[in-house]
């Protein structure tokens, strides 16, 4: 299964099993087991995994919208909402402890 990974530039991207193309949508599993859909913006590297030898691709992903109330987020007073990745009540603009992405 595809997973989130920290890229060399400090941003979050995805580690994809096999070959992938830019603008392709993929399913990515979080540490909690939730599955998210991400859009590949750029394939940064493709080659053999050092542990398995199978082909993988490291990719940057499109940023998510941080608009409140979209994507099924439960809003509470003060503009906080429940993060879909970690389940915590968070303030927009903070980082998710689960994925490292911006809320």
PDB file of N, CA and C in Angstrom:
ATOM      1  N   UNK A   1       0.840  -1.186   0.000  1.00  0.00           N
ATOM      2  CA  UNK A   1       0.000   0.000   0.000  1.00  0.00           C
ATOM      3  C   UNK A   1       0.877   1.238   0.000  1.00  0.00           C
ATOM      4  N   UNK A   2       0.441   2.280  -0.650  1.00  0.00           N
ATOM      5  CA  UNK A   2       1.160   3.549  -0.700  1.00  0.00           C
ATOM      6  C   UNK A   2       1.125   4.196   0.684  1.00  0.00           C
ATOM      7  N   UNK A   3       2.187   4.961   1.001  1.00  0.00           N
ATOM      8  CA  UNK A   3       2.264   5.583   2.321  1.00  0.00           C
ATOM      9  C   UNK A   3       2.855   6.983   2.216  1.00  0.00           C
ATOM     10  N   UNK A   4       2.585   7.797   3.254  1.00  0.00           N
ATOM     11  CA  UNK A   4       3.164   9.130   3.332  1.00  0.00           C
ATOM     12  C   UNK A   4       4.633   9.011   3.722  1.00  0.00           C
ATOM     13  N   UNK A   5       5.446   9.951   3.228  1.00  0.00           N
ATOM     14  CA  UNK A   5       6.862   9.968   3.568  1.00  0.00           C
ATOM     15  C   UNK A   5       7.354  11.411   3.580  1.00  0.00           C
ATOM     16  N   UNK A   6       8.313  11.695   4.432  1.00  0.00           N
ATOM     17  CA  UNK A   6       8.924  13.022   4.495  1.00  0.00           C
ATOM     18  C   UNK A   6       9.934  13.125   3.356  1.00  0.00           C
ATOM     19  N   UNK A   7       9.827  14.173   2.545  1.00  0.00           N
ATOM     20  CA  UNK A   7      10.731  14.377   1.417  1.00  0.00           C
ATOM     21  C   UNK A   7      11.968  15.157   1.852  1.00  0.00           C
ATOM     22  N   UNK A   8      13.006  15.141   1.040  1.00  0.00           N
ATOM     23  CA  UNK A   8      14.265  15.824   1.380  1.00  0.00           C
ATOM     24  C   UNK A   8      14.091  17.317   1.601  1.00  0.00           C
ATOM     25  N   UNK A   9      13.098  17.937   0.931  1.00  0.00           N
ATOM     26  CA  UNK A   9      12.891  19.378   1.095  1.00  0.00           C
ATOM     27  C   UNK A   9      12.079  19.706   2.344  1.00  0.00           C
ATOM     28  N   UNK A  10      11.695  18.676   3.116  1.00  0.00           N
ATOM     29  CA  UNK A  10      10.956  18.888   4.357  1.00  0.00           C
ATOM     30  C   UNK A  10       9.448  18.774   4.226  1.00  0.00           C
ATOM     31  N   UNK A  11       8.934  18.728   3.017  1.00  0.00           N
ATOM     32  CA  UNK A  11       7.484  18.602   2.832  1.00  0.00           C
ATOM     33  C   UNK A  11       7.084  17.129   2.872  1.00  0.00           C
ATOM     34  N   UNK A  12       5.786  16.884   2.879  1.00  0.00           N
ATOM     35  CA  UNK A  12       5.279  15.517   2.871  1.00  0.00           C
ATOM     36  C   UNK A  12       4.919  15.113   1.467  1.00  0.00           C
ATOM     37  N   UNK A  13       5.249  13.884   1.126  1.00  0.00           N
ATOM     38  CA  UNK A  13       4.915  13.315  -0.167  1.00  0.00           C
ATOM     39  C   UNK A  13       4.447  11.892   0.038  1.00  0.00           C
ATOM     40  N   UNK A  14       4.486  11.101  -1.014  1.00  0.00           N
ATOM     41  CA  UNK A  14       4.053   9.715  -0.914  1.00  0.00           C
ATOM     42  C   UNK A  14       5.091   8.770  -1.497  1.00  0.00           C
ATOM     43  N   UNK A  15       5.128   7.587  -0.941  1.00  0.00           N
ATOM     44  CA  UNK A  15       5.952   6.477  -1.426  1.00  0.00           C
ATOM     45  C   UNK A  15       4.972   5.525  -2.095  1.00  0.00           C
ATOM     46  N   UNK A  16       5.136   5.350  -3.403  1.00  0.00           N
ATOM     47  CA  UNK A  16       4.173   4.595  -4.199  1.00  0.00           C
ATOM     48  C   UNK A  16       4.809   3.294  -4.687  1.00  0.00           C
ATOM     49  N   UNK A  17       4.063   2.207  -4.568  1.00  0.00           N
ATOM     50  CA  UNK A  17       4.521   0.927  -5.088  1.00  0.00           C
ATOM     51  C   UNK A  17       4.405   0.944  -6.605  1.00  0.00           C
ATOM     52  N   UNK A  18       5.514   0.754  -7.296  1.00  0.00           N
ATOM     53  CA  UNK A  18       5.504   0.701  -8.760  1.00  0.00           C
ATOM     54  C   UNK A  18       5.710   2.053  -9.416  1.00  0.00           C
ATOM     55  N   UNK A  19       5.339   2.112 -10.684  1.00  0.00           N
ATOM     56  CA  UNK A  19       5.487   3.322 -11.479  1.00  0.00           C
ATOM     57  C   UNK A  19       4.221   4.157 -11.395  1.00  0.00           C
ATOM     58  N   UNK A  20       4.363   5.461 -11.498  1.00  0.00           N
ATOM     59  CA  UNK A  20       3.238   6.390 -11.360  1.00  0.00           C
ATOM     60  C   UNK A  20       3.443   7.550 -12.318  1.00  0.00           C
ATOM     61  N   UNK A  21       2.362   8.240 -12.661  1.00  0.00           N
ATOM     62  CA  UNK A  21       2.446   9.409 -13.541  1.00  0.00           C
ATOM     63  C   UNK A  21       1.950  10.638 -12.804  1.00  0.00           C
ATOM     64  N   UNK A  22       2.458  11.797 -13.213  1.00  0.00           N
ATOM     65  CA  UNK A  22       1.985  13.054 -12.643  1.00  0.00           C
ATOM     66  C   UNK A  22       0.498  13.225 -12.925  1.00  0.00           C
ATOM     67  N   UNK A  23      -0.184  13.876 -12.006  1.00  0.00           N
ATOM     68  CA  UNK A  23      -1.628  14.147 -12.042  1.00  0.00           C
ATOM     69  C   UNK A  23      -2.478  12.908 -11.808  1.00  0.00           C
ATOM     70  N   UNK A  24      -1.844  11.788 -11.511  1.00  0.00           N
ATOM     71  CA  UNK A  24      -2.596  10.566 -11.219  1.00  0.00           C
ATOM     72  C   UNK A  24      -3.066  10.609  -9.771  1.00  0.00           C
ATOM     73  N   UNK A  25      -4.298  10.157  -9.525  1.00  0.00           N
ATOM     74  CA  UNK A  25      -4.800  10.073  -8.158  1.00  0.00           C
ATOM     75  C   UNK A  25      -4.513   8.679  -7.617  1.00  0.00           C
ATOM     76  N   UNK A  26      -4.083   8.641  -6.352  1.00  0.00           N
ATOM     77  CA  UNK A  26      -3.718   7.379  -5.725  1.00  0.00           C
ATOM     78  C   UNK A  26      -4.331   7.292  -4.333  1.00  0.00           C
ATOM     79  N   UNK A  27      -4.431   6.087  -3.823  1.00  0.00           N
ATOM     80  CA  UNK A  27      -4.891   5.844  -2.460  1.00  0.00           C
ATOM     81  C   UNK A  27      -3.658   5.714  -1.567  1.00  0.00           C
ATOM     82  N   UNK A  28      -3.686   6.415  -0.414  1.00  0.00           N
ATOM     83  CA  UNK A  28      -2.568   6.392   0.524  1.00  0.00           C
ATOM     84  C   UNK A  28      -3.105   6.031   1.902  1.00  0.00           C
ATOM     85  N   UNK A  29      -2.426   5.105   2.571  1.00  0.00           N
ATOM     86  CA  UNK A  29      -2.860   4.684   3.894  1.00  0.00           C
ATOM     87  C   UNK A  29      -2.090   5.439   4.970  1.00  0.00           C
ATOM     88  N   UNK A  30      -2.822   5.976   5.970  1.00  0.00           N
ATOM     89  CA  UNK A  30      -2.194   6.656   7.099  1.00  0.00           C
ATOM     90  C   UNK A  30      -1.768   5.620   8.133  1.00  0.00           C
ATOM     91  N   UNK A  31      -1.062   6.073   9.170  1.00  0.00           N
ATOM     92  CA  UNK A  31      -0.621   5.169  10.224  1.00  0.00           C
ATOM     93  C   UNK A  31      -1.796   4.545  10.972  1.00  0.00           C
ATOM     94  N   UNK A  32      -2.926   5.240  11.005  1.00  0.00           N
ATOM     95  CA  UNK A  32      -4.103   4.716  11.703  1.00  0.00           C
ATOM     96  C   UNK A  32      -4.884   3.730  10.854  1.00  0.00           C
ATOM     97  N   UNK A  33      -4.493   3.579   9.580  1.00  0.00           N
ATOM     98  CA  UNK A  33      -5.185   2.654   8.695  1.00  0.00           C
ATOM     99  C   UNK A  33      -6.208   3.321   7.793  1.00  0.00           C
ATOM    100  N   UNK A  34      -6.461   4.618   8.012  1.00  0.00           N
ATOM    101  CA  UNK A  34      -7.387   5.351   7.144  1.00  0.00           C
ATOM    102  C   UNK A  34      -6.782   5.454   5.748  1.00  0.00           C
ATOM    103  N   UNK A  35      -7.631   5.482   4.740  1.00  0.00           N
ATOM    104  CA  UNK A  35      -7.159   5.583   3.361  1.00  0.00           C
ATOM    105  C   UNK A  35      -7.595   6.927   2.792  1.00  0.00           C
ATOM    106  N   UNK A  36      -6.644   7.685   2.241  1.00  0.00           N
ATOM    107  CA  UNK A  36      -6.883   9.001   1.667  1.00  0.00           C
ATOM    108  C   UNK A  36      -6.550   8.991   0.185  1.00  0.00           C
ATOM    109  N   UNK A  37      -7.209   9.841  -0.580  1.00  0.00           N
ATOM    110  CA  UNK A  37      -6.906  10.004  -1.996  1.00  0.00           C
ATOM    111  C   UNK A  37      -6.025  11.232  -2.158  1.00  0.00           C
ATOM    112  N   UNK A  38      -4.895  11.080  -2.831  1.00  0.00           N
ATOM    113  CA  UNK A  38      -3.963  12.174  -3.088  1.00  0.00           C
ATOM    114  C   UNK A  38      -3.708  12.264  -4.591  1.00  0.00           C
ATOM    115  N   UNK A  39      -3.331  13.458  -5.041  1.00  0.00           N
ATOM    116  CA  UNK A  39      -2.984  13.684  -6.438  1.00  0.00           C
ATOM    117  C   UNK A  39      -1.482  13.909  -6.548  1.00  0.00           C
ATOM    118  N   UNK A  40      -0.819  13.133  -7.379  1.00  0.00           N
ATOM    119  CA  UNK A  40       0.626  13.254  -7.586  1.00  0.00           C
ATOM    120  C   UNK A  40       0.894  14.508  -8.417  1.00  0.00           C
ATOM    121  N   UNK A  41       1.745  15.400  -7.897  1.00  0.00           N
ATOM    122  CA  UNK A  41       2.107  16.597  -8.660  1.00  0.00           C
ATOM    123  C   UNK A  41       3.409  16.408  -9.426  1.00  0.00           C
ATOM    124  N   UNK A  42       4.327  15.615  -8.849  1.00  0.00           N
ATOM    125  CA  UNK A  42       5.595  15.377  -9.529  1.00  0.00           C
ATOM    126  C   UNK A  42       6.214  14.074  -9.041  1.00  0.00           C
ATOM    127  N   UNK A  43       6.733  13.282  -9.979  1.00  0.00           N
ATOM    128  CA  UNK A  43       7.471  12.071  -9.621  1.00  0.00           C
ATOM    129  C   UNK A  43       8.918  12.508  -9.399  1.00  0.00           C
ATOM    130  N   UNK A  44       9.400  12.379  -8.161  1.00  0.00           N
ATOM    131  CA  UNK A  44      10.730  12.859  -7.805  1.00  0.00           C
ATOM    132  C   UNK A  44      11.815  11.811  -8.036  1.00  0.00           C
ATOM    133  N   UNK A  45      11.460  10.539  -7.871  1.00  0.00           N
ATOM    134  CA  UNK A  45      12.441   9.468  -8.019  1.00  0.00           C
ATOM    135  C   UNK A  45      11.714   8.147  -8.222  1.00  0.00           C
ATOM    136  N   UNK A  46      12.264   7.290  -9.055  1.00  0.00           N
ATOM    137  CA  UNK A  46      11.756   5.931  -9.242  1.00  0.00           C
ATOM    138  C   UNK A  46      12.957   4.991  -9.253  1.00  0.00           C
ATOM    139  N   UNK A  47      12.837   3.899  -8.514  1.00  0.00           N
ATOM    140  CA  UNK A  47      13.933   2.942  -8.450  1.00  0.00           C
ATOM    141  C   UNK A  47      13.604   1.805  -7.512  1.00  0.00           C
ATOM    142  N   UNK A  48      14.604   0.953  -7.231  1.00  0.00           N
ATOM    143  CA  UNK A  48      14.357  -0.201  -6.371  1.00  0.00           C
ATOM    144  C   UNK A  48      14.323   0.172  -4.889  1.00  0.00           C
ATOM    145  N   UNK A  49      13.380  -0.420  -4.176  1.00  0.00           N
ATOM    146  CA  UNK A  49      13.315  -0.276  -2.727  1.00  0.00           C
ATOM    147  C   UNK A  49      14.536  -0.982  -2.131  1.00  0.00           C
ATOM    148  N   UNK A  50      15.217  -0.358  -1.168  1.00  0.00           N
ATOM    149  CA  UNK A  50      16.442  -0.947  -0.612  1.00  0.00           C
ATOM    150  C   UNK A  50      16.168  -2.204   0.211  1.00  0.00           C
ATOM    151  N   UNK A  51      14.917  -2.369   0.676  1.00  0.00           N
ATOM    152  CA  UNK A  51      14.590  -3.531   1.499  1.00  0.00           C
ATOM    153  C   UNK A  51      14.047  -4.696   0.677  1.00  0.00           C
ATOM    154  N   UNK A  52      13.216  -4.395  -0.315  1.00  0.00           N
ATOM    155  CA  UNK A  52      12.548  -5.462  -1.067  1.00  0.00           C
ATOM    156  C   UNK A  52      13.062  -5.628  -2.492  1.00  0.00           C
ATOM    157  N   UNK A  53      13.703  -4.591  -3.030  1.00  0.00           N
ATOM    158  CA  UNK A  53      14.165  -4.631  -4.414  1.00  0.00           C
ATOM    159  C   UNK A  53      13.072  -4.320  -5.424  1.00  0.00           C
ATOM    160  N   UNK A  54      11.830  -4.179  -4.961  1.00  0.00           N
ATOM    161  CA  UNK A  54      10.720  -3.861  -5.858  1.00  0.00           C
ATOM    162  C   UNK A  54      10.755  -2.386  -6.236  1.00  0.00           C
ATOM    163  N   UNK A  55      10.222  -2.059  -7.411  1.00  0.00           N
ATOM    164  CA  UNK A  55      10.204  -0.684  -7.894  1.00  0.00           C
ATOM    165  C   UNK A  55       9.232   0.167  -7.088  1.00  0.00           C
ATOM    166  N   UNK A  56       9.709   1.339  -6.648  1.00  0.00           N
ATOM    167  CA  UNK A  56       8.871   2.312  -5.960  1.00  0.00           C
ATOM    168  C   UNK A  56       9.096   3.683  -6.585  1.00  0.00           C
ATOM    169  N   UNK A  57       8.184   4.601  -6.319  1.00  0.00           N
ATOM    170  CA  UNK A  57       8.314   5.990  -6.755  1.00  0.00           C
ATOM    171  C   UNK A  57       8.083   6.895  -5.565  1.00  0.00           C
ATOM    172  N   UNK A  58       8.906   7.934  -5.443  1.00  0.00           N
ATOM    173  CA  UNK A  58       8.702   8.973  -4.445  1.00  0.00           C
ATOM    174  C   UNK A  58       8.119  10.171  -5.167  1.00  0.00           C
ATOM    175  N   UNK A  59       7.010  10.710  -4.642  1.00  0.00           N
ATOM    176  CA  UNK A  59       6.268  11.748  -5.349  1.00  0.00           C
ATOM    177  C   UNK A  59       5.859  12.873  -4.421  1.00  0.00           C
ATOM    178  N   UNK A  60       5.800  14.077  -4.979  1.00  0.00           N
ATOM    179  CA  UNK A  60       5.175  15.181  -4.257  1.00  0.00           C
ATOM    180  C   UNK A  60       3.682  15.108  -4.537  1.00  0.00           C
ATOM    181  N   UNK A  61       2.892  15.671  -3.607  1.00  0.00           N
ATOM    182  CA  UNK A  61       1.444  15.613  -3.743  1.00  0.00           C
ATOM    183  C   UNK A  61       0.848  17.013  -3.701  1.00  0.00           C
ATOM    184  N   UNK A  62      -0.345  17.142  -4.261  1.00  0.00           N
ATOM    185  CA  UNK A  62      -1.041  18.428  -4.279  1.00  0.00           C
ATOM    186  C   UNK A  62      -1.450  18.798  -2.859  1.00  0.00           C
ATOM    187  N   UNK A  63      -1.318  20.076  -2.502  1.00  0.00           N
ATOM    188  CA  UNK A  63      -1.746  20.498  -1.164  1.00  0.00           C
ATOM    189  C   UNK A  63      -3.254  20.369  -1.037  1.00  0.00           C
ATOM    190  N   UNK A  64      -3.697  20.097   0.172  1.00  0.00           N
ATOM    191  CA  UNK A  64      -5.131  20.003   0.445  1.00  0.00           C
ATOM    192  C   UNK A  64      -5.693  21.377   0.753  1.00  0.00           C
ATOM    193  N   UNK A  65      -6.945  21.547   0.484  1.00  0.00           N
ATOM    194  CA  UNK A  65      -7.637  22.787   0.823  1.00  0.00           C
ATOM    195  C   UNK A  65      -7.783  22.873   2.332  1.00  0.00           C
ATOM    196  N   UNK A  66      -7.525  24.044   2.892  1.00  0.00           N
ATOM    197  CA  UNK A  66      -7.679  24.251   4.336  1.00  0.00           C
ATOM    198  C   UNK A  66      -8.941  25.029   4.667  1.00  0.00           C
ATOM    199  N   UNK A  67      -9.882  25.069   3.747  1.00  0.00           N
ATOM    200  CA  UNK A  67     -11.110  25.803   4.004  1.00  0.00           C
ATOM    201  C   UNK A  67     -11.944  25.057   5.023  1.00  0.00           C
ATOM    202  N   UNK A  68     -12.467  25.795   6.000  1.00  0.00           N
ATOM    203  CA  UNK A  68     -13.241  25.180   7.062  1.00  0.00           C
ATOM    204  C   UNK A  68     -14.577  24.681   6.530  1.00  0.00           C
ATOM    205  N   UNK A  69     -14.992  23.547   7.031  1.00  0.00           N
ATOM    206  CA  UNK A  69     -16.310  23.038   6.713  1.00  0.00           C
ATOM    207  C   UNK A  69     -16.381  22.197   5.457  1.00  0.00           C
ATOM    208  N   UNK A  70     -15.300  22.019   4.735  1.00  0.00           N
ATOM    209  CA  UNK A  70     -15.325  21.187   3.543  1.00  0.00           C
ATOM    210  C   UNK A  70     -14.783  19.805   3.858  1.00  0.00           C
ATOM    211  N   UNK A  71     -15.083  18.866   3.011  1.00  0.00           N
ATOM    212  CA  UNK A  71     -14.525  17.525   3.160  1.00  0.00           C
ATOM    213  C   UNK A  71     -15.079  16.743   4.329  1.00  0.00           C
ATOM    214  N   UNK A  72     -16.277  17.104   4.793  1.00  0.00           N
ATOM    215  CA  UNK A  72     -16.892  16.354   5.873  1.00  0.00           C
ATOM    216  C   UNK A  72     -16.299  16.631   7.240  1.00  0.00           C
ATOM    217  N   UNK A  73     -15.558  17.720   7.396  1.00  0.00           N
ATOM    218  CA  UNK A  73     -14.972  18.049   8.689  1.00  0.00           C
ATOM    219  C   UNK A  73     -16.069  18.515   9.639  1.00  0.00           C
ATOM    220  N   UNK A  74     -15.985  18.087  10.888  1.00  0.00           N
ATOM    221  CA  UNK A  74     -16.925  18.551  11.898  1.00  0.00           C
ATOM    222  C   UNK A  74     -16.373  19.804  12.530  1.00  0.00           C
ATOM    223  N   UNK A  75     -17.060  20.936  12.331  1.00  0.00           N
ATOM    224  CA  UNK A  75     -16.618  22.191  12.907  1.00  0.00           C
ATOM    225  C   UNK A  75     -17.124  22.334  14.333  1.00  0.00           C
ATOM    226  N   UNK A  76     -16.355  23.009  15.165  1.00  0.00           N
ATOM    227  CA  UNK A  76     -16.792  23.329  16.515  1.00  0.00           C
ATOM    228  C   UNK A  76     -16.641  24.828  16.700  1.00  0.00           C
ATOM    229  N   UNK A  77     -16.961  25.324  17.863  1.00  0.00           N
ATOM    230  CA  UNK A  77     -16.796  26.743  18.137  1.00  0.00           C
ATOM    231  C   UNK A  77     -15.332  27.136  18.019  1.00  0.00           C
ATOM    232  N   UNK A  78     -15.068  28.324  17.539  1.00  0.00           N
ATOM    233  CA  UNK A  78     -13.697  28.803  17.407  1.00  0.00           C
ATOM    234  C   UNK A  78     -13.022  28.355  16.128  1.00  0.00           C
ATOM    235  N   UNK A  79     -13.751  27.737  15.190  1.00  0.00           N
ATOM    236  CA  UNK A  79     -13.176  27.337  13.915  1.00  0.00           C
ATOM    237  C   UNK A  79     -12.364  26.053  13.965  1.00  0.00           C
ATOM    238  N   UNK A  80     -12.369  25.360  15.102  1.00  0.00           N
ATOM    239  CA  UNK A  80     -11.639  24.093  15.195  1.00  0.00           C
ATOM    240  C   UNK A  80     -12.476  22.997  14.548  1.00  0.00           C
ATOM    241  N   UNK A  81     -11.824  21.947  14.116  1.00  0.00           N
ATOM    242  CA  UNK A  81     -12.532  20.829  13.504  1.00  0.00           C
ATOM    243  C   UNK A  81     -11.803  19.532  13.818  1.00  0.00           C
ATOM    244  N   UNK A  82     -12.482  18.410  13.554  1.00  0.00           N
ATOM    245  CA  UNK A  82     -11.883  17.105  13.779  1.00  0.00           C
ATOM    246  C   UNK A  82     -11.036  16.718  12.572  1.00  0.00           C
ATOM    247  N   UNK A  83      -9.748  16.468  12.809  1.00  0.00           N
ATOM    248  CA  UNK A  83      -8.828  16.066  11.745  1.00  0.00           C
ATOM    249  C   UNK A  83      -9.186  14.660  11.276  1.00  0.00           C
ATOM    250  N   UNK A  84      -9.288  14.472   9.967  1.00  0.00           N
ATOM    251  CA  UNK A  84      -9.625  13.166   9.412  1.00  0.00           C
ATOM    252  C   UNK A  84      -8.507  12.149   9.605  1.00  0.00           C
ATOM    253  N   UNK A  85      -7.256  12.608   9.715  1.00  0.00           N
ATOM    254  CA  UNK A  85      -6.130  11.697   9.852  1.00  0.00           C
ATOM    255  C   UNK A  85      -5.929  11.228  11.293  1.00  0.00           C
ATOM    256  N   UNK A  86      -5.854  12.183  12.250  1.00  0.00           N
ATOM    257  CA  UNK A  86      -5.518  11.818  13.623  1.00  0.00           C
ATOM    258  C   UNK A  86      -6.718  11.773  14.555  1.00  0.00           C
ATOM    259  N   UNK A  87      -7.852  12.381  14.153  1.00  0.00           N
ATOM    260  CA  UNK A  87      -9.056  12.356  14.971  1.00  0.00           C
ATOM    261  C   UNK A  87      -9.097  13.409  16.055  1.00  0.00           C
ATOM    262  N   UNK A  88      -8.042  14.220  16.217  1.00  0.00           N
ATOM    263  CA  UNK A  88      -8.018  15.271  17.229  1.00  0.00           C
ATOM    264  C   UNK A  88      -8.801  16.487  16.759  1.00  0.00           C
ATOM    265  N   UNK A  89      -9.281  17.292  17.723  1.00  0.00           N
ATOM    266  CA  UNK A  89      -9.864  18.590  17.393  1.00  0.00           C
ATOM    267  C   UNK A  89      -8.695  19.551  17.208  1.00  0.00           C
ATOM    268  N   UNK A  90      -8.607  20.185  16.033  1.00  0.00           N
ATOM    269  CA  UNK A  90      -7.430  20.978  15.677  1.00  0.00           C
ATOM    270  C   UNK A  90      -7.827  22.357  15.167  1.00  0.00           C
ATOM    271  N   UNK A  91      -6.851  23.235  15.136  1.00  0.00           N
ATOM    272  CA  UNK A  91      -7.013  24.571  14.591  1.00  0.00           C
ATOM    273  C   UNK A  91      -6.404  24.590  13.194  1.00  0.00           C
ATOM    274  N   UNK A  92      -7.116  25.136  12.201  1.00  0.00           N
ATOM    275  CA  UNK A  92      -6.547  25.210  10.853  1.00  0.00           C
ATOM    276  C   UNK A  92      -5.182  25.901  10.868  1.00  0.00           C
ATOM    277  N   UNK A  93      -4.242  25.351  10.097  1.00  0.00           N
ATOM    278  CA  UNK A  93      -2.898  25.909  10.006  1.00  0.00           C
ATOM    279  C   UNK A  93      -1.875  25.175  10.858  1.00  0.00           C
ATOM    280  N   UNK A  94      -2.335  24.347  11.815  1.00  0.00           N
ATOM    281  CA  UNK A  94      -1.398  23.554  12.614  1.00  0.00           C
ATOM    282  C   UNK A  94      -1.047  22.285  11.857  1.00  0.00           C
ATOM    283  N   UNK A  95      -0.046  21.557  12.324  1.00  0.00           N
ATOM    284  CA  UNK A  95       0.387  20.330  11.647  1.00  0.00           C
ATOM    285  C   UNK A  95      -0.213  19.105  12.318  1.00  0.00           C
ATOM    286  N   UNK A  96      -0.587  18.149  11.505  1.00  0.00           N
ATOM    287  CA  UNK A  96      -1.134  16.878  11.986  1.00  0.00           C
ATOM    288  C   UNK A  96       0.002  16.011  12.513  1.00  0.00           C
ATOM    289  N   UNK A  97      -0.143  15.480  13.721  1.00  0.00           N
ATOM    290  CA  UNK A  97       0.904  14.605  14.268  1.00  0.00           C
ATOM    291  C   UNK A  97       0.939  13.270  13.531  1.00  0.00           C
ATOM    292  N   UNK A  98      -0.154  12.914  12.871  1.00  0.00           N
ATOM    293  CA  UNK A  98      -0.236  11.628  12.166  1.00  0.00           C
ATOM    294  C   UNK A  98       0.517  11.660  10.835  1.00  0.00           C
ATOM    295  N   UNK A  99       0.283  12.710  10.032  1.00  0.00           N
ATOM    296  CA  UNK A  99       0.863  12.766   8.691  1.00  0.00           C
ATOM    297  C   UNK A  99       1.890  13.879   8.522  1.00  0.00           C
ATOM    298  N   UNK A 100       1.857  14.880   9.388  1.00  0.00           N
ATOM    299  CA  UNK A 100       2.738  16.039   9.236  1.00  0.00           C
ATOM    300  C   UNK A 100       2.202  17.075   8.280  1.00  0.00           C
ATOM    301  N   UNK A 101       1.045  16.797   7.667  1.00  0.00           N
ATOM    302  CA  UNK A 101       0.447  17.747   6.737  1.00  0.00           C
ATOM    303  C   UNK A 101      -0.219  18.873   7.515  1.00  0.00           C
ATOM    304  N   UNK A 102      -0.397  20.018   6.865  1.00  0.00           N
ATOM    305  CA  UNK A 102      -1.048  21.154   7.500  1.00  0.00           C
ATOM    306  C   UNK A 102      -2.553  20.935   7.568  1.00  0.00           C
ATOM    307  N   UNK A 103      -3.123  21.194   8.739  1.00  0.00           N
ATOM    308  CA  UNK A 103      -4.586  21.085   8.896  1.00  0.00           C
ATOM    309  C   UNK A 103      -5.269  22.187   8.129  1.00  0.00           C
TER     310      UNK A 103
END
